[in-house]
Amino acid sequence: MNRREMHKVKGRNDSRSTCHASSTRGAGVKAFGSVAGFMMAAIGMIALTAWAAHTAGKAKILGIAYVRVRVTDLEKAKAFYGEVLGLKTGTVRNGNAVQASYVVNESQWVEIANTSMGGNASYLEAVGLATDNLLKMRTYLTAKGVSTNEIFSWPDGTKYFETQDPENNKIVFIQEKWDTGSGGAAGAISKRMLHAGFVVQDWKAENRFYEDLLGFRLYWKGGFKDDGLDWYEIQVPDGDNWIEYMLNIPAKADHQELGVQNHFSLGVASADAAARYLRAHGLKEFDGPEIGRDGKNSLDAYDPDGTRVEVMEFVPTGKVCCGEYAGAHPQPQE
């Protein structure tokens, strides 16, 4: 039994029915649908206007700049991220807390931080969000009652500040020129980071932070069952990266479970080709590729401490359960 079966990662379409069903409607239903559609559009415009007023003064959030992953064996972690995934070694921006950095592209990277911690703590330590105006973003958040630290600079000069979401996930805002279309190693498995995901117990509280306050918007949501809700994905307001809530996970989940759920994703044109790449680079055990409930073909690789790296295709190629996508799909580098 692989880890996809043991833990709550996205189920497969080939063994579950999808939500789509065709039906024939009469003329009266069509007429009602037209009126209802007009009313829904009007309501949507009102909601959009209210949202714009509520988030006035907020700087842009361009995408996920980085994730920071804790590791217990630095050399094994370096071998995984640098040799197995083929990511290029980059400049360590935060030399006080990070021991190595791996470039995905010009604006996205993976940090690894050596730790002796054990137990059931999450090894996904932080998610960094890129903004075009750091001072404006901090001023906006503090005016809304969100606690942040001061604006500091890393040794390389990058300015940042930290805050936490309602479930104490560390979110770091950095001022960054956004360019995911260049950079990265020519032979790396991927040149685009797509999303980061973590366990969420109260998704409505999280939405008040991410959607209502920061302006994130729904990308896709779904469940193991057609009427269930196990994954809730929200895109940044000014880009195509997203954060994924991993729902219905026990509050006292063990380290292995948290390693599966608290994860990040790299985008590829072909998950099947990515599987061949991993085998050629010495990784013999990983889960997939398989098409998930979101319709995307993906595989799951795990670093030496069990943190999941989801290698996912950019667009769905299979049936999508539980409703269509609400946002635009990311694109690979040209």
Protein backbone atom coordinates (compact mmCIF):
# COMPACT_ATOMS: atom_id res chain seq x y z
CA MET A 1 0.00 0.00 0.00
CA ASN A 2 1.54 3.34 -1.01
CA ARG A 3 1.34 6.57 0.91
CA ARG A 4 -1.45 7.90 -1.29
CA GLU A 5 -3.61 5.04 -0.02
CA MET A 6 -2.46 5.29 3.58
CA HIS A 7 -3.00 9.01 3.92
CA LYS A 8 -5.50 11.58 2.76
CA VAL A 9 -4.00 12.81 -0.47
CA LYS A 10 -6.13 13.27 -3.55
CA GLY A 11 -8.05 10.15 -4.58
CA ARG A 12 -8.00 8.81 -8.09
CA ASN A 13 -10.68 9.37 -10.72
CA ASP A 14 -10.39 5.85 -12.12
CA SER A 15 -11.93 4.32 -8.99
CA ARG A 16 -14.46 7.01 -8.12
CA SER A 17 -17.34 8.57 -9.96
CA THR A 18 -17.07 12.26 -10.83
CA CYS A 19 -19.52 15.02 -10.14
CA HIS A 20 -20.45 15.70 -13.71
CA ALA A 21 -23.87 14.53 -14.86
CA SER A 22 -25.79 15.48 -17.97
CA SER A 23 -29.44 16.42 -17.77
CA THR A 24 -32.18 17.68 -20.03
CA ARG A 25 -34.02 20.81 -18.96
CA GLY A 26 -37.25 22.27 -20.29
CA ALA A 27 -37.70 25.72 -21.75
CA GLY A 28 -39.11 27.06 -18.50
CA VAL A 29 -36.03 25.92 -16.63
CA LYS A 30 -33.85 27.61 -19.24
CA ALA A 31 -35.73 30.88 -18.85
CA PHE A 32 -35.42 30.69 -15.10
CA GLY A 33 -31.74 29.91 -15.50
CA SER A 34 -31.25 33.07 -17.58
CA VAL A 35 -32.87 35.25 -14.94
CA ALA A 36 -31.01 33.48 -12.16
CA GLY A 37 -27.76 33.89 -14.07
CA PHE A 38 -28.34 37.64 -14.42
CA MET A 39 -29.13 37.93 -10.71
CA MET A 40 -26.02 35.95 -9.77
CA ALA A 41 -23.87 38.16 -12.00
CA ALA A 42 -25.29 41.27 -10.34
CA ILE A 43 -24.68 39.82 -6.89
CA GLY A 44 -21.15 38.94 -7.96
CA MET A 45 -20.47 42.51 -9.08
CA ILE A 46 -21.75 43.87 -5.76
CA ALA A 47 -19.56 41.41 -3.86
CA LEU A 48 -16.54 42.31 -6.00
CA THR A 49 -17.08 46.02 -5.36
CA ALA A 50 -17.36 45.40 -1.61
CA TRP A 51 -14.23 43.24 -1.65
CA ALA A 52 -12.30 45.91 -3.56
CA ALA A 53 -13.28 48.53 -0.99
CA HIS A 54 -12.34 46.22 1.89
CA THR A 55 -8.88 45.46 0.48
CA ALA A 56 -8.13 49.02 -0.67
CA GLY A 57 -4.58 49.96 0.27
CA LYS A 58 -3.23 46.42 0.00
CA ALA A 59 -0.09 45.80 -2.02
CA LYS A 60 -0.02 43.09 -4.68
CA ILE A 61 0.67 39.47 -3.75
CA LEU A 62 2.46 38.05 -6.77
CA GLY A 63 3.07 34.44 -5.84
CA ILE A 64 4.86 31.97 -3.58
CA ALA A 65 8.50 33.02 -3.49
CA TYR A 66 9.78 30.18 -1.34
CA VAL A 67 9.09 27.44 1.14
CA ARG A 68 11.34 26.63 4.08
CA VAL A 69 11.64 22.96 5.01
CA ARG A 70 13.19 21.59 8.19
CA VAL A 71 15.56 18.65 7.87
CA THR A 72 17.39 16.50 10.40
CA ASP A 73 20.26 15.38 8.15
CA LEU A 74 21.60 18.25 6.10
CA GLU A 75 23.74 16.19 3.75
CA LYS A 76 20.93 13.77 2.90
CA ALA A 77 18.60 16.70 2.31
CA LYS A 78 21.14 18.37 0.02
CA ALA A 79 21.42 15.14 -1.98
CA PHE A 80 17.64 14.97 -2.37
CA TYR A 81 16.97 18.57 -3.38
CA GLY A 82 20.15 19.14 -5.32
CA GLU A 83 20.84 15.77 -6.93
CA VAL A 84 17.54 13.88 -7.07
CA LEU A 85 15.38 16.90 -7.98
CA GLY A 86 18.24 18.55 -9.84
CA LEU A 87 17.64 22.01 -8.36
CA LYS A 88 20.52 24.45 -8.60
CA THR A 89 22.26 25.56 -5.41
CA GLY A 90 21.42 29.18 -4.73
CA THR A 91 22.46 32.00 -2.45
CA VAL A 92 21.42 31.53 1.16
CA ARG A 93 19.50 34.74 1.76
CA ASN A 94 18.65 34.17 5.41
CA GLY A 95 21.98 32.96 6.73
CA ASN A 96 20.81 33.14 10.33
CA ALA A 97 18.20 30.40 10.00
CA VAL A 98 18.88 28.56 6.74
CA GLN A 99 21.76 26.27 5.79
CA ALA A 100 21.07 25.74 2.08
CA SER A 101 18.89 27.11 -0.70
CA TYR A 102 17.83 25.62 -4.03
CA VAL A 103 16.69 27.66 -7.01
CA VAL A 104 13.50 26.74 -8.83
CA ASN A 105 13.56 29.86 -11.02
CA GLU A 106 14.56 33.52 -10.80
CA SER A 107 11.87 34.29 -8.21
CA GLN A 108 11.19 30.97 -6.45
CA TRP A 109 13.36 28.76 -4.28
CA VAL A 110 13.40 26.07 -1.58
CA GLU A 111 15.19 26.69 1.72
CA ILE A 112 16.32 23.94 4.03
CA ALA A 113 16.97 24.52 7.71
CA ASN A 114 18.80 21.97 9.82
CA THR A 115 16.99 20.97 13.00
CA SER A 116 17.21 18.36 15.73
CA MET A 117 13.49 18.48 16.39
CA GLY A 118 11.43 15.33 16.41
CA GLY A 119 7.93 14.44 17.51
CA ASN A 120 4.85 15.51 15.61
CA ALA A 121 5.83 19.03 14.59
CA SER A 122 5.43 20.18 11.00
CA TYR A 123 8.62 20.28 8.94
CA LEU A 124 7.13 22.84 6.54
CA GLU A 125 8.41 25.81 8.54
CA ALA A 126 7.40 28.83 6.46
CA VAL A 127 5.79 29.98 3.22
CA GLY A 128 7.16 33.15 1.64
CA LEU A 129 4.87 35.40 -0.40
CA ALA A 130 6.23 37.95 -2.85
CA THR A 131 4.78 41.45 -2.82
CA ASP A 132 5.54 44.52 -4.91
CA ASN A 133 5.47 46.90 -1.93
CA LEU A 134 6.50 45.54 1.45
CA LEU A 135 5.85 48.70 3.47
CA LYS A 136 2.39 49.11 1.95
CA MET A 137 1.54 45.49 2.74
CA ARG A 138 2.66 45.76 6.34
CA THR A 139 0.82 49.06 6.83
CA TYR A 140 -2.35 47.47 5.45
CA LEU A 141 -2.12 44.40 7.68
CA THR A 142 -1.39 46.29 10.88
CA ALA A 143 -4.27 48.67 10.13
CA LYS A 144 -6.50 45.59 9.93
CA GLY A 145 -5.31 44.40 13.33
CA VAL A 146 -2.89 41.70 12.13
CA SER A 147 0.26 41.34 14.22
CA THR A 148 3.55 41.42 12.33
CA ASN A 149 7.16 41.97 13.26
CA GLU A 150 9.18 44.90 11.96
CA ILE A 151 10.61 45.03 8.45
CA PHE A 152 14.07 43.49 8.52
CA SER A 153 16.70 42.65 5.93
CA TRP A 154 18.39 39.33 5.32
CA PRO A 155 22.19 39.36 4.88
CA ASP A 156 21.72 39.54 1.10
CA GLY A 157 19.64 42.73 1.47
CA THR A 158 16.20 41.23 0.83
CA LYS A 159 13.60 42.99 2.97
CA TYR A 160 10.91 40.98 4.72
CA PHE A 161 8.48 40.78 7.60
CA GLU A 162 6.75 37.83 9.24
CA THR A 163 3.22 37.16 10.39
CA GLN A 164 1.03 34.13 11.14
CA ASP A 165 -2.29 32.98 9.80
CA PRO A 166 -5.11 32.04 12.24
CA GLU A 167 -3.70 28.50 12.61
CA ASN A 168 -0.18 29.75 13.35
CA ASN A 169 1.36 28.91 9.99
CA LYS A 170 4.32 31.25 9.47
CA ILE A 171 3.83 33.54 6.48
CA VAL A 172 6.75 35.70 5.36
CA PHE A 173 6.23 38.63 3.00
CA ILE A 174 9.23 39.68 0.93
CA GLN A 175 9.67 42.43 -1.62
CA GLU A 176 10.61 40.71 -4.84
CA LYS A 177 10.76 41.47 -8.55
CA TRP A 178 8.58 38.71 -9.92
CA ASP A 179 10.04 36.68 -12.79
CA THR A 180 9.22 32.98 -12.84
CA GLY A 181 9.87 32.75 -16.57
CA SER A 182 13.65 32.54 -16.30
CA GLY A 183 16.38 31.02 -14.17
CA GLY A 184 16.66 27.56 -12.69
CA ALA A 185 18.88 24.69 -13.68
CA ALA A 186 18.61 23.42 -17.25
CA GLY A 187 18.51 19.84 -16.02
CA ALA A 188 16.15 20.32 -13.04
CA ILE A 189 12.94 18.34 -12.72
CA SER A 190 10.97 21.61 -12.67
CA LYS A 191 11.30 25.36 -13.11
CA ARG A 192 8.01 26.38 -11.52
CA MET A 193 6.73 26.10 -7.97
CA LEU A 194 2.94 25.83 -8.06
CA HIS A 195 1.60 25.68 -4.53
CA ALA A 196 2.13 24.96 -0.86
CA GLY A 197 -0.32 23.06 1.32
CA PHE A 198 -0.82 22.51 5.03
CA VAL A 199 -3.26 21.02 7.50
CA VAL A 200 -6.18 23.30 8.35
CA GLN A 201 -8.69 22.61 11.09
CA ASP A 202 -10.97 25.65 10.61
CA TRP A 203 -11.05 26.58 6.95
CA LYS A 204 -13.58 29.37 7.46
CA ALA A 205 -11.25 31.13 9.90
CA GLU A 206 -8.40 30.71 7.42
CA ASN A 207 -10.57 32.19 4.67
CA ARG A 208 -11.19 35.31 6.71
CA PHE A 209 -7.42 35.83 6.61
CA TYR A 210 -6.52 34.68 3.11
CA GLU A 211 -9.65 35.51 1.12
CA ASP A 212 -11.33 38.37 2.98
CA LEU A 213 -8.20 40.15 4.16
CA LEU A 214 -5.51 39.28 1.61
CA GLY A 215 -7.72 38.84 -1.44
CA PHE A 216 -6.91 35.22 -2.31
CA ARG A 217 -9.55 33.66 -4.57
CA LEU A 218 -10.88 30.16 -5.05
CA TYR A 219 -9.01 27.99 -7.55
CA TRP A 220 -10.57 24.56 -6.90
CA LYS A 221 -12.15 22.56 -4.11
CA GLY A 222 -13.04 18.90 -3.83
CA GLY A 223 -13.20 15.77 -1.77
CA PHE A 224 -12.81 12.01 -1.76
CA LYS A 225 -16.57 11.90 -2.22
CA ASP A 226 -18.36 14.09 -4.71
CA ASP A 227 -20.16 16.02 -1.98
CA GLY A 228 -17.16 16.13 0.36
CA LEU A 229 -14.63 18.83 1.10
CA ASP A 230 -11.11 17.56 1.77
CA TRP A 231 -9.06 20.06 -0.27
CA TYR A 232 -9.63 23.78 -0.67
CA GLU A 233 -7.28 25.67 -2.98
CA ILE A 234 -6.97 29.46 -3.14
CA GLN A 235 -4.86 31.44 -5.60
CA VAL A 236 -2.88 34.54 -4.77
CA PRO A 237 -4.74 37.68 -5.92
CA ASP A 238 -2.14 38.74 -8.49
CA GLY A 239 -0.78 35.47 -9.85
CA ASP A 240 -1.46 31.79 -10.41
CA ASN A 241 0.22 30.12 -7.40
CA TRP A 242 -2.06 28.76 -4.73
CA ILE A 243 -2.28 27.60 -1.14
CA GLU A 244 -4.06 24.32 -0.42
CA TYR A 245 -5.93 23.60 2.79
CA MET A 246 -5.62 19.94 3.77
CA LEU A 247 -8.86 19.29 5.63
CA ASN A 248 -10.25 16.60 7.96
CA ILE A 249 -6.84 15.61 9.30
CA PRO A 250 -6.69 14.64 13.00
CA ALA A 251 -5.45 17.44 15.24
CA LYS A 252 -2.91 15.03 16.75
CA ALA A 253 -1.61 13.67 13.46
CA ASP A 254 1.81 12.04 13.70
CA HIS A 255 4.97 13.14 11.92
CA GLN A 256 4.44 10.82 8.95
CA GLU A 257 0.92 12.15 8.37
CA LEU A 258 2.07 15.76 8.69
CA GLY A 259 4.87 15.08 6.23
CA VAL A 260 2.30 14.00 3.67
CA GLN A 261 -0.11 16.86 4.29
CA ASN A 262 2.28 19.79 4.79
CA HIS A 263 3.87 19.88 1.37
CA PHE A 264 4.77 21.93 -1.68
CA SER A 265 4.39 21.33 -5.39
CA LEU A 266 6.57 21.66 -8.46
CA GLY A 267 5.04 21.97 -11.93
CA VAL A 268 5.95 19.78 -14.89
CA ALA A 269 4.68 19.30 -18.42
CA SER A 270 4.52 15.52 -17.92
CA ALA A 271 4.32 13.60 -14.64
CA ASP A 272 5.22 10.42 -16.50
CA ALA A 273 8.42 12.03 -17.77
CA ALA A 274 9.09 13.29 -14.23
CA ALA A 275 8.84 9.71 -12.95
CA ARG A 276 11.46 8.60 -15.47
CA TYR A 277 13.62 11.55 -14.40
CA LEU A 278 13.45 10.57 -10.73
CA ARG A 279 14.36 6.97 -11.44
CA ALA A 280 17.30 8.10 -13.58
CA HIS A 281 18.45 10.30 -10.67
CA GLY A 282 18.40 7.46 -8.20
CA LEU A 283 14.98 7.76 -6.51
CA LYS A 284 13.41 4.33 -6.68
CA GLU A 285 10.42 4.81 -4.40
CA PHE A 286 7.70 7.40 -4.93
CA ASP A 287 3.92 7.35 -5.38
CA GLY A 288 2.29 7.71 -8.79
CA PRO A 289 2.01 9.09 -11.33
CA GLU A 290 -1.77 8.98 -11.09
CA ILE A 291 -4.60 11.30 -12.02
CA GLY A 292 -6.23 12.73 -8.91
CA ARG A 293 -9.69 13.99 -8.12
CA ASP A 294 -8.56 17.39 -9.39
CA GLY A 295 -7.99 15.87 -12.85
CA LYS A 296 -4.22 16.48 -12.78
CA ASN A 297 -1.59 13.83 -13.27
CA SER A 298 0.97 13.95 -10.47
CA LEU A 299 3.40 11.97 -8.37
CA ASP A 300 4.56 12.29 -4.77
CA ALA A 301 8.23 12.18 -3.81
CA TYR A 302 9.39 12.43 -0.19
CA ASP A 303 12.54 14.02 1.16
CA PRO A 304 14.61 12.08 3.75
CA ASP A 305 12.47 13.48 6.58
CA GLY A 306 9.19 12.54 4.92
CA THR A 307 8.14 15.96 3.60
CA ARG A 308 6.11 15.47 0.42
CA VAL A 309 7.09 17.14 -2.81
CA GLU A 310 4.16 16.89 -5.20
CA VAL A 311 5.30 16.91 -8.83
CA MET A 312 2.21 17.98 -10.75
CA GLU A 313 1.21 18.77 -14.31
CA PHE A 314 0.11 22.33 -14.99
CA VAL A 315 -3.35 21.55 -16.37
CA PRO A 316 -5.88 18.76 -15.79
CA THR A 317 -5.96 15.95 -18.34
CA GLY A 318 -8.55 13.78 -16.60
CA LYS A 319 -12.03 14.22 -15.22
CA VAL A 320 -12.38 16.87 -12.53
CA CYS A 321 -14.62 16.11 -9.59
CA CYS A 322 -16.77 18.38 -7.52
CA GLY A 323 -17.01 21.41 -9.79
CA GLU A 324 -14.87 23.10 -12.41
CA TYR A 325 -11.76 25.14 -11.73
CA ALA A 326 -12.52 28.76 -10.81
CA GLY A 327 -9.13 30.22 -11.76
CA ALA A 328 -6.62 30.18 -14.60
CA HIS A 329 -4.03 27.42 -14.66
CA PRO A 330 -0.31 28.21 -14.31
CA GLN A 331 1.93 27.91 -17.34
CA PRO A 332 5.41 26.43 -17.74
CA GLN A 333 8.43 28.48 -18.70
CA GLU A 334 8.61 29.12 -22.44
